[in-house]
Amino acid sequence: MSLIQRAIQVGYQLRVYFTEDVFHPANVVLRNILGPGDSLPARRALVVLDEALAAA
């Protein structure tokens, strides 16, 4: 059996946004991130809550 082994680098850009009341209608941060998707590729967002915030 033959084997070809190569190292590759993959570039990835990560954006982190900090905001308050992200789901409030007046807060446009989430809307601007996800955008209208008409001519853009599908966008996704990951919302992370810690235990203290979830308890509040």
C-alpha atoms as a PDB file:
ATOM      1  CA  MET A   1       0.000   0.000   0.000  1.00  0.00           C
ATOM      2  CA  SER A   2       1.378   3.427  -0.908  1.00  0.00           C
ATOM      3  CA  LEU A   3       0.848   6.583   1.148  1.00  0.00           C
ATOM      4  CA  ILE A   4       1.035  10.276   0.329  1.00  0.00           C
ATOM      5  CA  GLN A   5       1.211  12.562   3.313  1.00  0.00           C
ATOM      6  CA  ARG A   6       1.164  16.368   3.179  1.00  0.00           C
ATOM      7  CA  ALA A   7       0.639  19.135   5.711  1.00  0.00           C
ATOM      8  CA  ILE A   8      -1.979  21.707   4.750  1.00  0.00           C
ATOM      9  CA  GLN A   9      -3.082  24.960   6.327  1.00  0.00           C
ATOM     10  CA  VAL A  10      -6.701  26.028   6.404  1.00  0.00           C
ATOM     11  CA  GLY A  11      -7.562  29.666   6.981  1.00  0.00           C
ATOM     12  CA  TYR A  12     -10.632  30.453   9.041  1.00  0.00           C
ATOM     13  CA  GLN A  13     -11.963  33.792  10.160  1.00  0.00           C
ATOM     14  CA  LEU A  14     -13.886  33.939  13.416  1.00  0.00           C
ATOM     15  CA  ARG A  15     -15.858  37.000  14.455  1.00  0.00           C
ATOM     16  CA  VAL A  16     -17.041  37.469  18.026  1.00  0.00           C
ATOM     17  CA  TYR A  17     -19.686  40.090  18.764  1.00  0.00           C
ATOM     18  CA  PHE A  18     -20.583  41.208  22.271  1.00  0.00           C
ATOM     19  CA  THR A  19     -23.975  42.829  22.762  1.00  0.00           C
ATOM     20  CA  GLU A  20     -26.848  43.097  25.200  1.00  0.00           C
ATOM     21  CA  ASP A  21     -30.485  42.164  24.580  1.00  0.00           C
ATOM     22  CA  VAL A  22     -29.564  40.424  21.340  1.00  0.00           C
ATOM     23  CA  PHE A  23     -33.158  39.241  20.744  1.00  0.00           C
ATOM     24  CA  HIS A  24     -34.755  42.634  21.410  1.00  0.00           C
ATOM     25  CA  PRO A  25     -36.302  44.068  18.212  1.00  0.00           C
ATOM     26  CA  ALA A  26     -34.372  47.327  18.628  1.00  0.00           C
ATOM     27  CA  ASN A  27     -31.019  45.506  18.655  1.00  0.00           C
ATOM     28  CA  VAL A  28     -29.914  45.105  15.024  1.00  0.00           C
ATOM     29  CA  VAL A  29     -26.677  43.203  15.675  1.00  0.00           C
ATOM     30  CA  LEU A  30     -28.086  39.725  15.041  1.00  0.00           C
ATOM     31  CA  ARG A  31     -30.121  40.926  12.056  1.00  0.00           C
ATOM     32  CA  ASN A  32     -27.040  42.544  10.525  1.00  0.00           C
ATOM     33  CA  ILE A  33     -24.936  39.427  11.056  1.00  0.00           C
ATOM     34  CA  LEU A  34     -27.445  37.042   9.504  1.00  0.00           C
ATOM     35  CA  GLY A  35     -28.486  39.503   6.827  1.00  0.00           C
ATOM     36  CA  PRO A  36     -31.109  39.021   4.167  1.00  0.00           C
ATOM     37  CA  GLY A  37     -29.558  35.914   2.594  1.00  0.00           C
ATOM     38  CA  ASP A  38     -31.006  36.682  -0.886  1.00  0.00           C
ATOM     39  CA  SER A  39     -27.740  36.888  -2.782  1.00  0.00           C
ATOM     40  CA  LEU A  40     -25.426  35.784   0.026  1.00  0.00           C
ATOM     41  CA  PRO A  41     -24.539  32.252   1.066  1.00  0.00           C
ATOM     42  CA  ALA A  42     -26.392  30.890   4.095  1.00  0.00           C
ATOM     43  CA  ARG A  43     -25.139  32.351   7.348  1.00  0.00           C
ATOM     44  CA  ARG A  44     -25.210  30.811  10.777  1.00  0.00           C
ATOM     45  CA  ALA A  45     -24.789  32.141  14.275  1.00  0.00           C
ATOM     46  CA  LEU A  46     -23.837  30.374  17.472  1.00  0.00           C
ATOM     47  CA  VAL A  47     -25.243  31.942  20.625  1.00  0.00           C
ATOM     48  CA  VAL A  48     -23.402  30.931  23.798  1.00  0.00           C
ATOM     49  CA  LEU A  49     -24.804  31.408  27.292  1.00  0.00           C
ATOM     50  CA  ASP A  50     -23.015  30.520  30.499  1.00  0.00           C
ATOM     51  CA  GLU A  51     -24.794  29.032  33.530  1.00  0.00           C
ATOM     52  CA  ALA A  52     -25.043  32.358  35.382  1.00  0.00           C
ATOM     53  CA  LEU A  53     -26.672  34.088  32.435  1.00  0.00           C
ATOM     54  CA  ALA A  54     -29.069  31.231  31.824  1.00  0.00           C
ATOM     55  CA  ALA A  55     -30.064  31.246  35.509  1.00  0.00           C
ATOM     56  CA  ALA A  56     -30.708  35.001  35.402  1.00  0.00           C
END
